[in-house]
Each structure stands twice: as structure tokens, then as C-alpha cells.
N, C-alpha and C. Protein backbone atom coordinates (compact mmCIF):
# COMPACT_ATOMS: atom_id res chain seq x y z
N MET A 1 25.59 -4.62 -7.61
CA MET A 1 25.56 -4.93 -6.18
C MET A 1 26.52 -6.08 -5.90
N PRO A 2 27.47 -5.93 -4.95
CA PRO A 2 28.40 -7.00 -4.64
C PRO A 2 27.67 -8.27 -4.25
N ALA A 3 28.22 -9.42 -4.66
CA ALA A 3 27.56 -10.71 -4.43
C ALA A 3 27.38 -11.01 -2.95
N LYS A 4 28.28 -10.51 -2.11
CA LYS A 4 28.22 -10.84 -0.69
C LYS A 4 27.13 -10.07 0.05
N GLU A 5 26.58 -9.03 -0.59
CA GLU A 5 25.55 -8.22 0.05
C GLU A 5 24.17 -8.70 -0.38
N THR A 6 23.38 -9.12 0.59
CA THR A 6 22.04 -9.63 0.31
C THR A 6 21.01 -8.54 0.56
N PRO A 7 20.17 -8.22 -0.45
CA PRO A 7 19.15 -7.19 -0.23
C PRO A 7 18.21 -7.55 0.91
N LEU A 8 17.91 -6.59 1.76
CA LEU A 8 17.01 -6.81 2.88
C LEU A 8 15.61 -6.33 2.56
N GLY A 9 15.52 -5.37 1.65
CA GLY A 9 14.23 -4.83 1.27
C GLY A 9 13.61 -5.60 0.11
N LYS A 10 12.55 -5.04 -0.46
CA LYS A 10 11.86 -5.67 -1.58
C LYS A 10 11.61 -4.63 -2.66
N LEU A 11 11.80 -5.04 -3.89
CA LEU A 11 11.46 -4.20 -5.02
C LEU A 11 10.13 -4.68 -5.60
N ILE A 12 9.16 -3.78 -5.65
CA ILE A 12 7.86 -4.09 -6.23
C ILE A 12 7.65 -3.15 -7.42
N SER A 13 7.51 -3.73 -8.59
CA SER A 13 7.34 -2.91 -9.79
C SER A 13 5.88 -2.91 -10.24
N PHE A 14 5.51 -1.80 -10.86
CA PHE A 14 4.15 -1.65 -11.39
C PHE A 14 4.25 -1.46 -12.90
N GLU A 15 3.45 -2.21 -13.63
CA GLU A 15 3.47 -2.15 -15.08
C GLU A 15 2.06 -1.98 -15.63
N GLY A 16 2.01 -1.63 -16.91
CA GLY A 16 0.73 -1.45 -17.58
C GLY A 16 0.85 -0.35 -18.61
N ALA A 17 -0.13 -0.26 -19.47
CA ALA A 17 -0.14 0.77 -20.50
C ALA A 17 -0.37 2.14 -19.89
N GLU A 18 -0.14 3.18 -20.68
CA GLU A 18 -0.45 4.54 -20.24
C GLU A 18 -1.93 4.62 -19.85
N GLY A 19 -2.20 5.32 -18.76
CA GLY A 19 -3.58 5.46 -18.32
C GLY A 19 -4.10 4.27 -17.52
N SER A 20 -3.23 3.36 -17.13
CA SER A 20 -3.69 2.17 -16.40
C SER A 20 -3.88 2.43 -14.91
N GLY A 21 -3.36 3.55 -14.40
CA GLY A 21 -3.55 3.89 -12.99
C GLY A 21 -2.38 3.55 -12.09
N LYS A 22 -1.20 3.33 -12.67
CA LYS A 22 -0.04 2.95 -11.87
C LYS A 22 0.32 3.99 -10.81
N SER A 23 0.42 5.24 -11.24
CA SER A 23 0.84 6.30 -10.31
C SER A 23 -0.10 6.41 -9.12
N THR A 24 -1.39 6.32 -9.39
CA THR A 24 -2.38 6.40 -8.31
C THR A 24 -2.20 5.27 -7.32
N GLN A 25 -2.02 4.06 -7.82
CA GLN A 25 -1.92 2.90 -6.93
C GLN A 25 -0.58 2.84 -6.20
N ILE A 26 0.46 3.33 -6.82
CA ILE A 26 1.75 3.40 -6.12
C ILE A 26 1.64 4.34 -4.93
N ALA A 27 1.00 5.48 -5.14
CA ALA A 27 0.82 6.44 -4.04
C ALA A 27 -0.03 5.83 -2.91
N ARG A 28 -1.07 5.11 -3.27
CA ARG A 28 -1.93 4.49 -2.26
C ARG A 28 -1.17 3.40 -1.49
N LEU A 29 -0.39 2.59 -2.21
CA LEU A 29 0.36 1.54 -1.55
C LEU A 29 1.45 2.11 -0.65
N ALA A 30 2.13 3.15 -1.11
CA ALA A 30 3.17 3.79 -0.30
C ALA A 30 2.59 4.29 1.01
N LYS A 31 1.42 4.88 0.94
CA LYS A 31 0.76 5.40 2.14
C LYS A 31 0.40 4.27 3.09
N ARG A 32 -0.09 3.16 2.53
CA ARG A 32 -0.48 2.03 3.36
C ARG A 32 0.75 1.37 4.01
N LEU A 33 1.82 1.24 3.25
CA LEU A 33 3.05 0.65 3.79
C LEU A 33 3.63 1.52 4.91
N ALA A 34 3.61 2.82 4.71
CA ALA A 34 4.11 3.73 5.74
C ALA A 34 3.28 3.61 7.01
N LYS A 35 1.98 3.43 6.84
CA LYS A 35 1.09 3.27 7.98
C LYS A 35 1.42 2.01 8.77
N HIS A 36 1.95 1.01 8.07
CA HIS A 36 2.35 -0.23 8.71
C HIS A 36 3.83 -0.20 9.12
N LYS A 37 4.39 0.98 9.19
CA LYS A 37 5.74 1.21 9.71
C LYS A 37 6.85 0.66 8.81
N HIS A 38 6.61 0.55 7.53
CA HIS A 38 7.65 0.13 6.60
C HIS A 38 8.34 1.37 6.01
N ASP A 39 9.65 1.27 5.83
CA ASP A 39 10.36 2.30 5.08
C ASP A 39 10.05 2.06 3.61
N VAL A 40 9.58 3.08 2.92
CA VAL A 40 9.16 2.91 1.54
C VAL A 40 9.70 4.05 0.68
N LEU A 41 10.07 3.71 -0.54
CA LEU A 41 10.60 4.68 -1.50
C LEU A 41 9.93 4.43 -2.84
N SER A 42 9.41 5.48 -3.45
CA SER A 42 8.79 5.38 -4.77
C SER A 42 9.70 5.99 -5.82
N VAL A 43 9.90 5.28 -6.93
CA VAL A 43 10.73 5.78 -8.03
C VAL A 43 9.96 5.58 -9.34
N ARG A 44 10.43 6.25 -10.38
CA ARG A 44 9.78 6.08 -11.68
C ARG A 44 10.83 5.87 -12.77
N GLU A 45 10.38 5.22 -13.83
CA GLU A 45 11.24 5.02 -15.00
C GLU A 45 10.59 5.65 -16.23
N PRO A 46 11.43 6.22 -17.10
CA PRO A 46 12.81 6.60 -16.81
C PRO A 46 12.84 7.80 -15.89
N GLY A 47 13.86 7.90 -15.08
CA GLY A 47 13.98 9.01 -14.15
C GLY A 47 14.53 8.58 -12.81
N GLY A 48 14.26 9.37 -11.78
CA GLY A 48 14.67 9.00 -10.43
C GLY A 48 16.08 9.41 -10.05
N THR A 49 16.87 9.83 -11.03
CA THR A 49 18.21 10.36 -10.79
C THR A 49 18.37 11.56 -11.72
N GLU A 50 19.40 12.35 -11.48
CA GLU A 50 19.62 13.52 -12.35
C GLU A 50 19.85 13.08 -13.78
N ILE A 51 20.66 12.04 -13.95
CA ILE A 51 20.92 11.52 -15.30
C ILE A 51 19.65 10.93 -15.89
N GLY A 52 18.93 10.16 -15.08
CA GLY A 52 17.71 9.53 -15.55
C GLY A 52 16.65 10.51 -15.99
N GLU A 53 16.54 11.63 -15.28
CA GLU A 53 15.54 12.64 -15.65
C GLU A 53 15.91 13.32 -16.97
N GLN A 54 17.21 13.49 -17.21
CA GLN A 54 17.63 14.05 -18.49
C GLN A 54 17.32 13.08 -19.63
N VAL A 55 17.54 11.79 -19.38
CA VAL A 55 17.20 10.77 -20.37
C VAL A 55 15.69 10.75 -20.61
N ARG A 56 14.92 10.88 -19.53
CA ARG A 56 13.46 10.91 -19.64
C ARG A 56 13.00 12.03 -20.57
N ASN A 57 13.62 13.17 -20.43
CA ASN A 57 13.24 14.31 -21.26
C ASN A 57 13.50 14.03 -22.73
N ILE A 58 14.60 13.33 -23.01
CA ILE A 58 14.92 12.96 -24.39
C ILE A 58 13.88 11.97 -24.93
N ILE A 59 13.57 10.96 -24.12
CA ILE A 59 12.65 9.90 -24.58
C ILE A 59 11.23 10.42 -24.72
N VAL A 60 10.78 11.15 -23.71
CA VAL A 60 9.36 11.48 -23.61
C VAL A 60 8.99 12.80 -24.28
N HIS A 61 9.85 13.81 -24.12
CA HIS A 61 9.44 15.16 -24.51
C HIS A 61 10.25 15.79 -25.63
N ASN A 62 11.33 15.17 -26.06
CA ASN A 62 12.15 15.79 -27.09
C ASN A 62 11.36 16.00 -28.38
N SER A 63 11.51 17.17 -28.97
CA SER A 63 10.71 17.52 -30.16
C SER A 63 11.01 16.61 -31.35
N SER A 64 12.18 15.99 -31.35
CA SER A 64 12.53 15.08 -32.44
C SER A 64 12.29 13.62 -32.07
N GLY A 65 11.62 13.41 -30.96
CA GLY A 65 11.45 12.07 -30.43
C GLY A 65 10.69 11.13 -31.34
N ASP A 66 9.79 11.65 -32.17
CA ASP A 66 9.01 10.78 -33.04
C ASP A 66 9.87 10.11 -34.10
N GLU A 67 11.07 10.62 -34.32
CA GLU A 67 11.98 10.00 -35.29
C GLU A 67 12.92 8.99 -34.61
N MET A 68 12.78 8.81 -33.31
CA MET A 68 13.67 7.91 -32.58
C MET A 68 13.43 6.46 -32.98
N CYS A 69 14.50 5.75 -33.33
CA CYS A 69 14.34 4.35 -33.69
C CYS A 69 14.20 3.49 -32.44
N ALA A 70 13.65 2.30 -32.60
CA ALA A 70 13.35 1.42 -31.47
C ALA A 70 14.61 1.04 -30.70
N GLU A 71 15.73 0.84 -31.43
CA GLU A 71 16.97 0.45 -30.77
C GLU A 71 17.49 1.56 -29.86
N THR A 72 17.41 2.79 -30.33
CA THR A 72 17.83 3.93 -29.51
C THR A 72 16.96 4.04 -28.27
N GLU A 73 15.66 3.90 -28.46
CA GLU A 73 14.73 3.97 -27.34
C GLU A 73 15.06 2.92 -26.29
N LEU A 74 15.31 1.70 -26.72
CA LEU A 74 15.66 0.61 -25.80
C LEU A 74 16.91 0.95 -25.00
N LEU A 75 17.95 1.42 -25.67
CA LEU A 75 19.22 1.70 -25.02
C LEU A 75 19.11 2.89 -24.06
N LEU A 76 18.32 3.88 -24.41
CA LEU A 76 18.13 5.02 -23.52
C LEU A 76 17.40 4.59 -22.24
N PHE A 77 16.35 3.79 -22.39
CA PHE A 77 15.65 3.27 -21.21
C PHE A 77 16.62 2.46 -20.34
N ALA A 78 17.43 1.63 -20.96
CA ALA A 78 18.37 0.79 -20.22
C ALA A 78 19.40 1.63 -19.48
N ALA A 79 19.87 2.70 -20.12
CA ALA A 79 20.85 3.57 -19.48
C ALA A 79 20.27 4.23 -18.23
N ALA A 80 19.05 4.76 -18.36
CA ALA A 80 18.40 5.39 -17.20
C ALA A 80 18.15 4.37 -16.10
N ARG A 81 17.78 3.16 -16.49
CA ARG A 81 17.50 2.10 -15.51
C ARG A 81 18.77 1.68 -14.78
N ALA A 82 19.86 1.55 -15.51
CA ALA A 82 21.13 1.16 -14.89
C ALA A 82 21.55 2.17 -13.83
N GLN A 83 21.38 3.46 -14.14
CA GLN A 83 21.73 4.51 -13.18
C GLN A 83 20.81 4.47 -11.97
N LEU A 84 19.52 4.29 -12.20
CA LEU A 84 18.55 4.25 -11.11
C LEU A 84 18.82 3.08 -10.17
N VAL A 85 19.12 1.92 -10.73
CA VAL A 85 19.39 0.74 -9.92
C VAL A 85 20.60 0.97 -9.03
N ARG A 86 21.68 1.46 -9.60
CA ARG A 86 22.93 1.56 -8.85
C ARG A 86 22.97 2.76 -7.91
N GLU A 87 22.33 3.84 -8.30
CA GLU A 87 22.37 5.05 -7.48
C GLU A 87 21.29 5.06 -6.40
N VAL A 88 20.14 4.46 -6.69
CA VAL A 88 18.99 4.60 -5.78
C VAL A 88 18.45 3.27 -5.27
N ILE A 89 18.06 2.38 -6.20
CA ILE A 89 17.33 1.18 -5.79
C ILE A 89 18.18 0.22 -4.97
N ALA A 90 19.35 -0.15 -5.47
CA ALA A 90 20.18 -1.13 -4.76
C ALA A 90 20.57 -0.64 -3.36
N PRO A 91 21.01 0.60 -3.19
CA PRO A 91 21.32 1.07 -1.84
C PRO A 91 20.10 1.05 -0.92
N ALA A 92 18.94 1.40 -1.46
CA ALA A 92 17.72 1.39 -0.64
C ALA A 92 17.36 -0.02 -0.19
N LEU A 93 17.49 -0.98 -1.09
CA LEU A 93 17.18 -2.37 -0.74
C LEU A 93 18.12 -2.88 0.36
N LEU A 94 19.36 -2.49 0.30
CA LEU A 94 20.33 -2.92 1.31
C LEU A 94 20.02 -2.33 2.69
N LYS A 95 19.26 -1.26 2.71
CA LYS A 95 18.85 -0.65 3.98
C LYS A 95 17.53 -1.22 4.49
N GLY A 96 16.94 -2.14 3.71
CA GLY A 96 15.68 -2.74 4.13
C GLY A 96 14.45 -2.02 3.64
N THR A 97 14.61 -1.09 2.72
CA THR A 97 13.50 -0.30 2.21
C THR A 97 12.67 -1.09 1.20
N ILE A 98 11.37 -0.87 1.20
CA ILE A 98 10.51 -1.40 0.16
C ILE A 98 10.45 -0.35 -0.95
N VAL A 99 10.92 -0.72 -2.12
CA VAL A 99 10.99 0.21 -3.25
C VAL A 99 9.85 -0.08 -4.20
N LEU A 100 9.05 0.95 -4.50
CA LEU A 100 7.96 0.84 -5.46
C LEU A 100 8.37 1.54 -6.73
N SER A 101 8.45 0.79 -7.82
CA SER A 101 8.94 1.36 -9.07
C SER A 101 7.83 1.44 -10.12
N ASP A 102 7.59 2.64 -10.60
CA ASP A 102 6.66 2.87 -11.70
C ASP A 102 7.39 2.50 -12.99
N ARG A 103 7.26 1.25 -13.37
CA ARG A 103 7.92 0.58 -14.49
C ARG A 103 9.31 0.07 -14.08
N PHE A 104 9.71 -1.01 -14.74
CA PHE A 104 11.05 -1.56 -14.58
C PHE A 104 11.37 -2.31 -15.86
N MET A 105 12.17 -3.34 -15.79
CA MET A 105 12.68 -3.99 -17.00
C MET A 105 11.58 -4.61 -17.87
N ASP A 106 10.46 -5.01 -17.27
CA ASP A 106 9.38 -5.59 -18.07
C ASP A 106 8.83 -4.62 -19.10
N SER A 107 8.94 -3.33 -18.82
CA SER A 107 8.49 -2.33 -19.79
C SER A 107 9.27 -2.44 -21.09
N SER A 108 10.58 -2.66 -20.99
CA SER A 108 11.39 -2.80 -22.20
C SER A 108 11.05 -4.08 -22.95
N THR A 109 10.82 -5.16 -22.19
CA THR A 109 10.43 -6.42 -22.82
C THR A 109 9.16 -6.24 -23.64
N VAL A 110 8.20 -5.50 -23.09
CA VAL A 110 6.91 -5.33 -23.75
C VAL A 110 6.92 -4.22 -24.79
N TYR A 111 7.36 -3.03 -24.40
CA TYR A 111 7.27 -1.88 -25.30
C TYR A 111 8.25 -1.98 -26.48
N GLN A 112 9.52 -2.24 -26.18
CA GLN A 112 10.48 -2.30 -27.26
C GLN A 112 10.55 -3.70 -27.89
N GLY A 113 10.48 -4.73 -27.05
CA GLY A 113 10.59 -6.09 -27.57
C GLY A 113 9.38 -6.54 -28.34
N ILE A 114 8.18 -6.37 -27.75
CA ILE A 114 6.95 -6.87 -28.38
C ILE A 114 6.28 -5.81 -29.24
N ALA A 115 5.97 -4.66 -28.65
CA ALA A 115 5.23 -3.63 -29.40
C ALA A 115 6.05 -3.01 -30.53
N ARG A 116 7.38 -2.88 -30.33
CA ARG A 116 8.22 -2.30 -31.39
C ARG A 116 8.96 -3.37 -32.19
N ASN A 117 8.67 -4.64 -31.90
CA ASN A 117 9.15 -5.77 -32.71
C ASN A 117 10.67 -5.95 -32.72
N LEU A 118 11.34 -5.62 -31.61
CA LEU A 118 12.77 -5.93 -31.52
C LEU A 118 12.94 -7.39 -31.09
N ALA A 119 14.03 -7.99 -31.49
CA ALA A 119 14.28 -9.40 -31.17
C ALA A 119 14.38 -9.60 -29.67
N ALA A 120 13.85 -10.71 -29.19
CA ALA A 120 13.77 -10.97 -27.74
C ALA A 120 15.14 -11.12 -27.09
N ASP A 121 16.08 -11.78 -27.76
CA ASP A 121 17.38 -12.07 -27.14
C ASP A 121 18.17 -10.81 -26.80
N PRO A 122 18.35 -9.87 -27.74
CA PRO A 122 19.09 -8.65 -27.37
C PRO A 122 18.37 -7.81 -26.32
N VAL A 123 17.03 -7.77 -26.36
CA VAL A 123 16.29 -7.02 -25.34
C VAL A 123 16.55 -7.63 -23.97
N SER A 124 16.48 -8.96 -23.89
CA SER A 124 16.72 -9.64 -22.61
C SER A 124 18.15 -9.42 -22.12
N MET A 125 19.11 -9.49 -23.03
CA MET A 125 20.51 -9.29 -22.65
C MET A 125 20.75 -7.87 -22.14
N ILE A 126 20.20 -6.89 -22.82
CA ILE A 126 20.36 -5.49 -22.40
C ILE A 126 19.66 -5.25 -21.07
N ASN A 127 18.47 -5.82 -20.89
CA ASN A 127 17.77 -5.72 -19.61
C ASN A 127 18.62 -6.26 -18.47
N THR A 128 19.17 -7.45 -18.68
CA THR A 128 19.97 -8.10 -17.64
C THR A 128 21.22 -7.29 -17.32
N PHE A 129 21.85 -6.75 -18.35
CA PHE A 129 23.04 -5.93 -18.14
C PHE A 129 22.70 -4.68 -17.34
N ALA A 130 21.54 -4.08 -17.61
CA ALA A 130 21.15 -2.84 -16.94
C ALA A 130 20.84 -3.04 -15.46
N VAL A 131 20.15 -4.11 -15.11
CA VAL A 131 19.68 -4.27 -13.73
C VAL A 131 20.62 -5.10 -12.87
N GLY A 132 21.54 -5.84 -13.48
CA GLY A 132 22.42 -6.69 -12.68
C GLY A 132 21.63 -7.75 -11.94
N GLU A 133 21.83 -7.82 -10.63
CA GLU A 133 21.14 -8.84 -9.83
C GLU A 133 19.86 -8.31 -9.18
N VAL A 134 19.51 -7.07 -9.45
CA VAL A 134 18.32 -6.47 -8.83
C VAL A 134 17.08 -6.82 -9.64
N MET A 135 16.21 -7.62 -9.04
CA MET A 135 14.98 -8.05 -9.70
C MET A 135 13.78 -7.78 -8.79
N PRO A 136 12.62 -7.50 -9.37
CA PRO A 136 11.43 -7.31 -8.54
C PRO A 136 11.04 -8.59 -7.80
N ALA A 137 10.65 -8.43 -6.55
CA ALA A 137 10.08 -9.56 -5.81
C ALA A 137 8.65 -9.79 -6.25
N LEU A 138 8.01 -8.72 -6.74
CA LEU A 138 6.63 -8.78 -7.20
C LEU A 138 6.45 -7.72 -8.29
N THR A 139 5.70 -8.09 -9.32
CA THR A 139 5.33 -7.13 -10.36
C THR A 139 3.82 -7.12 -10.49
N VAL A 140 3.23 -5.95 -10.36
CA VAL A 140 1.79 -5.78 -10.50
C VAL A 140 1.50 -5.16 -11.87
N VAL A 141 0.75 -5.87 -12.68
CA VAL A 141 0.32 -5.35 -13.97
C VAL A 141 -1.13 -4.91 -13.85
N LEU A 142 -1.36 -3.63 -14.10
CA LEU A 142 -2.73 -3.11 -14.11
C LEU A 142 -3.23 -3.18 -15.55
N ASP A 143 -4.19 -4.04 -15.76
CA ASP A 143 -4.67 -4.35 -17.11
C ASP A 143 -5.92 -3.56 -17.45
N VAL A 144 -5.83 -2.76 -18.51
CA VAL A 144 -7.00 -2.02 -19.01
C VAL A 144 -7.07 -2.18 -20.52
N PRO A 145 -8.27 -2.21 -21.10
CA PRO A 145 -8.41 -2.27 -22.55
C PRO A 145 -7.79 -1.02 -23.20
N PRO A 146 -7.26 -1.16 -24.41
CA PRO A 146 -6.66 -0.01 -25.10
C PRO A 146 -7.59 1.18 -25.20
N SER A 147 -8.88 0.94 -25.41
CA SER A 147 -9.83 2.06 -25.52
C SER A 147 -9.92 2.85 -24.23
N VAL A 148 -9.79 2.14 -23.10
CA VAL A 148 -9.81 2.81 -21.80
C VAL A 148 -8.54 3.64 -21.62
N SER A 149 -7.40 3.08 -22.03
CA SER A 149 -6.13 3.83 -21.94
C SER A 149 -6.22 5.14 -22.70
N LYS A 150 -6.69 5.06 -23.94
CA LYS A 150 -6.78 6.26 -24.77
C LYS A 150 -7.76 7.28 -24.18
N LYS A 151 -8.87 6.79 -23.66
CA LYS A 151 -9.87 7.68 -23.08
C LYS A 151 -9.30 8.41 -21.86
N ARG A 152 -8.59 7.69 -21.01
CA ARG A 152 -8.02 8.30 -19.81
C ARG A 152 -6.96 9.33 -20.17
N ILE A 153 -6.19 9.04 -21.20
CA ILE A 153 -5.17 10.00 -21.64
C ILE A 153 -5.83 11.29 -22.11
N ARG A 154 -6.91 11.15 -22.88
CA ARG A 154 -7.62 12.34 -23.37
C ARG A 154 -8.22 13.16 -22.23
N GLN A 155 -8.56 12.50 -21.14
CA GLN A 155 -9.19 13.19 -20.02
C GLN A 155 -8.19 13.94 -19.14
N ARG A 156 -6.89 13.74 -19.39
CA ARG A 156 -5.87 14.48 -18.65
C ARG A 156 -5.75 15.87 -19.26
N ALA A 157 -6.69 16.70 -18.93
CA ALA A 157 -6.79 18.02 -19.59
C ALA A 157 -5.56 18.88 -19.39
N SER A 158 -4.86 18.71 -18.27
CA SER A 158 -3.74 19.59 -17.95
C SER A 158 -2.42 19.13 -18.58
N ASP A 159 -2.40 17.93 -19.17
CA ASP A 159 -1.16 17.38 -19.70
C ASP A 159 -1.19 17.29 -21.22
N VAL A 160 -0.03 17.56 -21.82
CA VAL A 160 0.12 17.35 -23.26
C VAL A 160 0.60 15.91 -23.43
N PRO A 161 -0.06 15.10 -24.26
CA PRO A 161 0.34 13.69 -24.44
C PRO A 161 1.80 13.58 -24.85
N ASP A 162 2.53 12.63 -24.23
CA ASP A 162 3.93 12.43 -24.58
C ASP A 162 4.03 11.42 -25.73
N ARG A 163 5.26 11.04 -26.07
CA ARG A 163 5.48 10.16 -27.23
C ARG A 163 4.69 8.86 -27.13
N MET A 164 4.74 8.21 -25.98
CA MET A 164 4.07 6.93 -25.81
C MET A 164 2.55 7.12 -25.84
N GLU A 165 2.09 8.17 -25.22
CA GLU A 165 0.65 8.42 -25.15
C GLU A 165 0.06 8.74 -26.52
N ARG A 166 0.91 9.23 -27.44
CA ARG A 166 0.42 9.58 -28.78
C ARG A 166 0.34 8.37 -29.72
N GLU A 167 0.81 7.21 -29.26
CA GLU A 167 0.78 6.03 -30.12
C GLU A 167 -0.67 5.64 -30.45
N ASN A 168 -0.84 4.90 -31.55
CA ASN A 168 -2.18 4.53 -31.99
C ASN A 168 -2.73 3.34 -31.21
N ILE A 169 -3.98 3.01 -31.46
CA ILE A 169 -4.67 1.96 -30.71
C ILE A 169 -4.04 0.60 -30.95
N ASP A 170 -3.48 0.37 -32.14
CA ASP A 170 -2.82 -0.91 -32.42
C ASP A 170 -1.60 -1.11 -31.52
N PHE A 171 -0.85 -0.03 -31.30
CA PHE A 171 0.31 -0.10 -30.41
C PHE A 171 -0.14 -0.43 -28.99
N PHE A 172 -1.18 0.23 -28.53
CA PHE A 172 -1.70 -0.03 -27.18
C PHE A 172 -2.19 -1.47 -27.05
N THR A 173 -2.75 -2.01 -28.11
CA THR A 173 -3.21 -3.41 -28.10
C THR A 173 -2.02 -4.35 -27.98
N LYS A 174 -0.94 -4.07 -28.71
CA LYS A 174 0.27 -4.90 -28.61
C LYS A 174 0.84 -4.85 -27.20
N VAL A 175 0.83 -3.66 -26.59
CA VAL A 175 1.36 -3.51 -25.23
C VAL A 175 0.53 -4.34 -24.25
N ARG A 176 -0.78 -4.22 -24.35
CA ARG A 176 -1.63 -4.98 -23.44
C ARG A 176 -1.42 -6.48 -23.61
N ASN A 177 -1.43 -6.96 -24.84
CA ASN A 177 -1.24 -8.38 -25.09
C ASN A 177 0.13 -8.84 -24.64
N GLY A 178 1.13 -7.96 -24.80
CA GLY A 178 2.48 -8.30 -24.36
C GLY A 178 2.56 -8.52 -22.86
N TYR A 179 1.92 -7.66 -22.10
CA TYR A 179 1.93 -7.81 -20.64
C TYR A 179 1.20 -9.08 -20.22
N LEU A 180 0.08 -9.37 -20.86
CA LEU A 180 -0.67 -10.58 -20.49
C LEU A 180 0.13 -11.84 -20.83
N LEU A 181 0.82 -11.82 -21.95
CA LEU A 181 1.67 -12.95 -22.33
C LEU A 181 2.82 -13.12 -21.34
N LEU A 182 3.45 -12.01 -20.97
CA LEU A 182 4.56 -12.05 -20.03
C LEU A 182 4.10 -12.57 -18.67
N ALA A 183 2.93 -12.13 -18.23
CA ALA A 183 2.39 -12.58 -16.95
C ALA A 183 2.16 -14.09 -16.94
N LYS A 184 1.70 -14.63 -18.05
CA LYS A 184 1.48 -16.08 -18.14
C LYS A 184 2.79 -16.85 -18.05
N SER A 185 3.85 -16.26 -18.56
CA SER A 185 5.15 -16.94 -18.55
C SER A 185 5.88 -16.81 -17.22
N LEU A 186 5.48 -15.83 -16.40
CA LEU A 186 6.15 -15.60 -15.10
C LEU A 186 5.11 -15.47 -13.98
N PRO A 187 4.31 -16.51 -13.76
CA PRO A 187 3.22 -16.42 -12.78
C PRO A 187 3.68 -16.28 -11.33
N ASP A 188 4.90 -16.68 -11.04
CA ASP A 188 5.39 -16.58 -9.65
C ASP A 188 5.74 -15.15 -9.27
N ARG A 189 5.99 -14.32 -10.28
CA ARG A 189 6.37 -12.93 -9.99
C ARG A 189 5.32 -11.91 -10.40
N ILE A 190 4.64 -12.16 -11.50
CA ILE A 190 3.74 -11.15 -12.08
C ILE A 190 2.28 -11.46 -11.76
N VAL A 191 1.60 -10.46 -11.22
CA VAL A 191 0.17 -10.57 -10.90
C VAL A 191 -0.58 -9.54 -11.74
N VAL A 192 -1.62 -9.98 -12.41
CA VAL A 192 -2.44 -9.09 -13.23
C VAL A 192 -3.70 -8.70 -12.46
N ILE A 193 -3.95 -7.41 -12.37
CA ILE A 193 -5.13 -6.90 -11.67
C ILE A 193 -5.93 -6.04 -12.63
N LYS A 194 -7.22 -6.23 -12.61
CA LYS A 194 -8.12 -5.51 -13.52
C LYS A 194 -8.10 -4.02 -13.20
N GLY A 195 -7.62 -3.24 -14.14
CA GLY A 195 -7.47 -1.81 -13.91
C GLY A 195 -8.73 -0.99 -14.09
N THR A 196 -9.84 -1.66 -14.42
CA THR A 196 -11.10 -0.94 -14.57
C THR A 196 -11.95 -1.02 -13.30
N LEU A 197 -11.45 -1.70 -12.27
CA LEU A 197 -12.13 -1.69 -10.98
C LEU A 197 -12.01 -0.30 -10.37
N SER A 198 -12.71 -0.06 -9.29
CA SER A 198 -12.58 1.22 -8.61
C SER A 198 -11.18 1.33 -7.99
N GLU A 199 -10.74 2.55 -7.73
CA GLU A 199 -9.42 2.74 -7.15
C GLU A 199 -9.28 1.99 -5.83
N LEU A 200 -10.33 2.00 -5.02
CA LEU A 200 -10.28 1.31 -3.73
C LEU A 200 -10.22 -0.20 -3.92
N GLU A 201 -10.97 -0.74 -4.86
CA GLU A 201 -10.94 -2.18 -5.11
C GLU A 201 -9.57 -2.62 -5.60
N ILE A 202 -8.98 -1.82 -6.47
CA ILE A 202 -7.64 -2.14 -6.96
C ILE A 202 -6.63 -2.11 -5.82
N GLU A 203 -6.73 -1.09 -4.99
CA GLU A 203 -5.83 -0.97 -3.84
C GLU A 203 -5.92 -2.21 -2.95
N ARG A 204 -7.12 -2.68 -2.70
CA ARG A 204 -7.30 -3.86 -1.85
C ARG A 204 -6.71 -5.11 -2.48
N GLU A 205 -6.89 -5.27 -3.79
CA GLU A 205 -6.34 -6.43 -4.49
C GLU A 205 -4.81 -6.40 -4.45
N ILE A 206 -4.25 -5.21 -4.64
CA ILE A 206 -2.79 -5.08 -4.58
C ILE A 206 -2.27 -5.41 -3.19
N TRP A 207 -2.96 -4.92 -2.17
CA TRP A 207 -2.51 -5.15 -0.81
C TRP A 207 -2.49 -6.63 -0.46
N LYS A 208 -3.43 -7.39 -1.00
CA LYS A 208 -3.48 -8.83 -0.74
C LYS A 208 -2.18 -9.52 -1.18
N VAL A 209 -1.69 -9.17 -2.38
CA VAL A 209 -0.49 -9.81 -2.87
C VAL A 209 0.77 -9.22 -2.27
N VAL A 210 0.73 -7.93 -1.97
CA VAL A 210 1.90 -7.29 -1.36
C VAL A 210 2.16 -7.84 0.04
N LYS A 211 1.12 -8.06 0.80
CA LYS A 211 1.27 -8.61 2.16
C LYS A 211 2.02 -9.94 2.13
N LYS A 212 1.72 -10.77 1.14
CA LYS A 212 2.40 -12.06 1.03
C LYS A 212 3.86 -11.89 0.65
N THR A 213 4.14 -10.88 -0.18
CA THR A 213 5.49 -10.65 -0.65
C THR A 213 6.42 -10.12 0.44
N ILE A 214 5.90 -9.27 1.31
CA ILE A 214 6.74 -8.65 2.32
C ILE A 214 6.70 -9.36 3.67
N ALA A 215 5.91 -10.42 3.74
CA ALA A 215 5.78 -11.15 5.03
C ALA A 215 7.10 -11.77 5.45
């Protein structure tokens, strides 16, 4: 994004382990924002562009995906994110749109940096290179215990678990702890909300912080 162009909209990212309820709450928030006459756009990572969706298929569904090394995974996520930012998110922000993103750069910090044990400095550098100057105004972390994540995944009867969903409980524990650690280090941007509350209670808690962000 050119330095002279100041974003008018807001990017709000949603984070959390698989089964935390991000998709449900993004849909609820989008509906509420639209009701309040805001232009809103929902995107997901990886994906949201033709290139990004192809990358998503490689990361999530490729039959050889279980052999993918952590470095490759990080770079593929970054590539999809870079395309999404420049093709979709940045233009939308310049139009004043509120963009709701199902995952953003914090996912790489936690999943590849913490859970997959990659060094923090290269992960941070790659993240920064991918997103440029586009940063979330607010990040909502939906926090659920690993046992709850695994249970919710099993209850998705219509879906075959993807690569991330097939990870063991120790991996899910690292992810959860990583998000909580990150939230403590960035309290001005990241808000943690208990993901085991009812859907309506979570929606209300999210709306409280979103109202302050978009005011």
C-alpha cells in the first residue's frame, strides 16, 4: 500500500485453534455490522483469492501434506497472505470497508513459530514482508481448551479432518498457550474471549470490543 494512502476502514482478525468458533462469530459480527450500515467484507486464510485458494488446497488437503516441513508451510501461508492483502484487503480498507479475517499473521507466529518450533525472528520477518503496512486494528482470540477443540472437530460429521485438525492434543496445547502468550505481549490489539461461552454470549463480548475499535 503506498505510504501516502491512509486506510479508512478497519481490519479485524479472528484467531484461535481449530474448533474455536471463529467462522460462526465472524458471520454473526458481519451481520451485526451490516445492520449498523457498515460496509463489511469477510475473508479467510489461506484463501480469499484464486491464488490463495490454490495454496489452501496444497496446505490443507494435499495428499502429501503430512510430509510438509514447517518452513514450507510458513512460506506457503505467507504467499497466500501477501496475495490476499494486496488483491483484496488493502483495496477494501482504502474504500472504508471493515474487513473481518478468519486468521491473519498471528496464526503463523503461533502455529509455525511456537507450535512447530521455528525461530521467532525469521517468522516475524516473513510475516512483516507478507503484510506490509496492513495490520489488524483488533484481533479477537477465541480461547478453548484443546479437549474442546478435538471434540468439536469430531462432531463435524460432514467434514473430513484436514492437516491441522488431525494434529495431536500436544500440538493443540502448544497452539492455545501460544495465543495466550501472544495476547499478553500485545494487550492493546489482542483480546481473548472464552470460546466455551454460548454463541450469543461470545457475540456480545465481541461486539463490546468491536464498537470501541470502529468508533
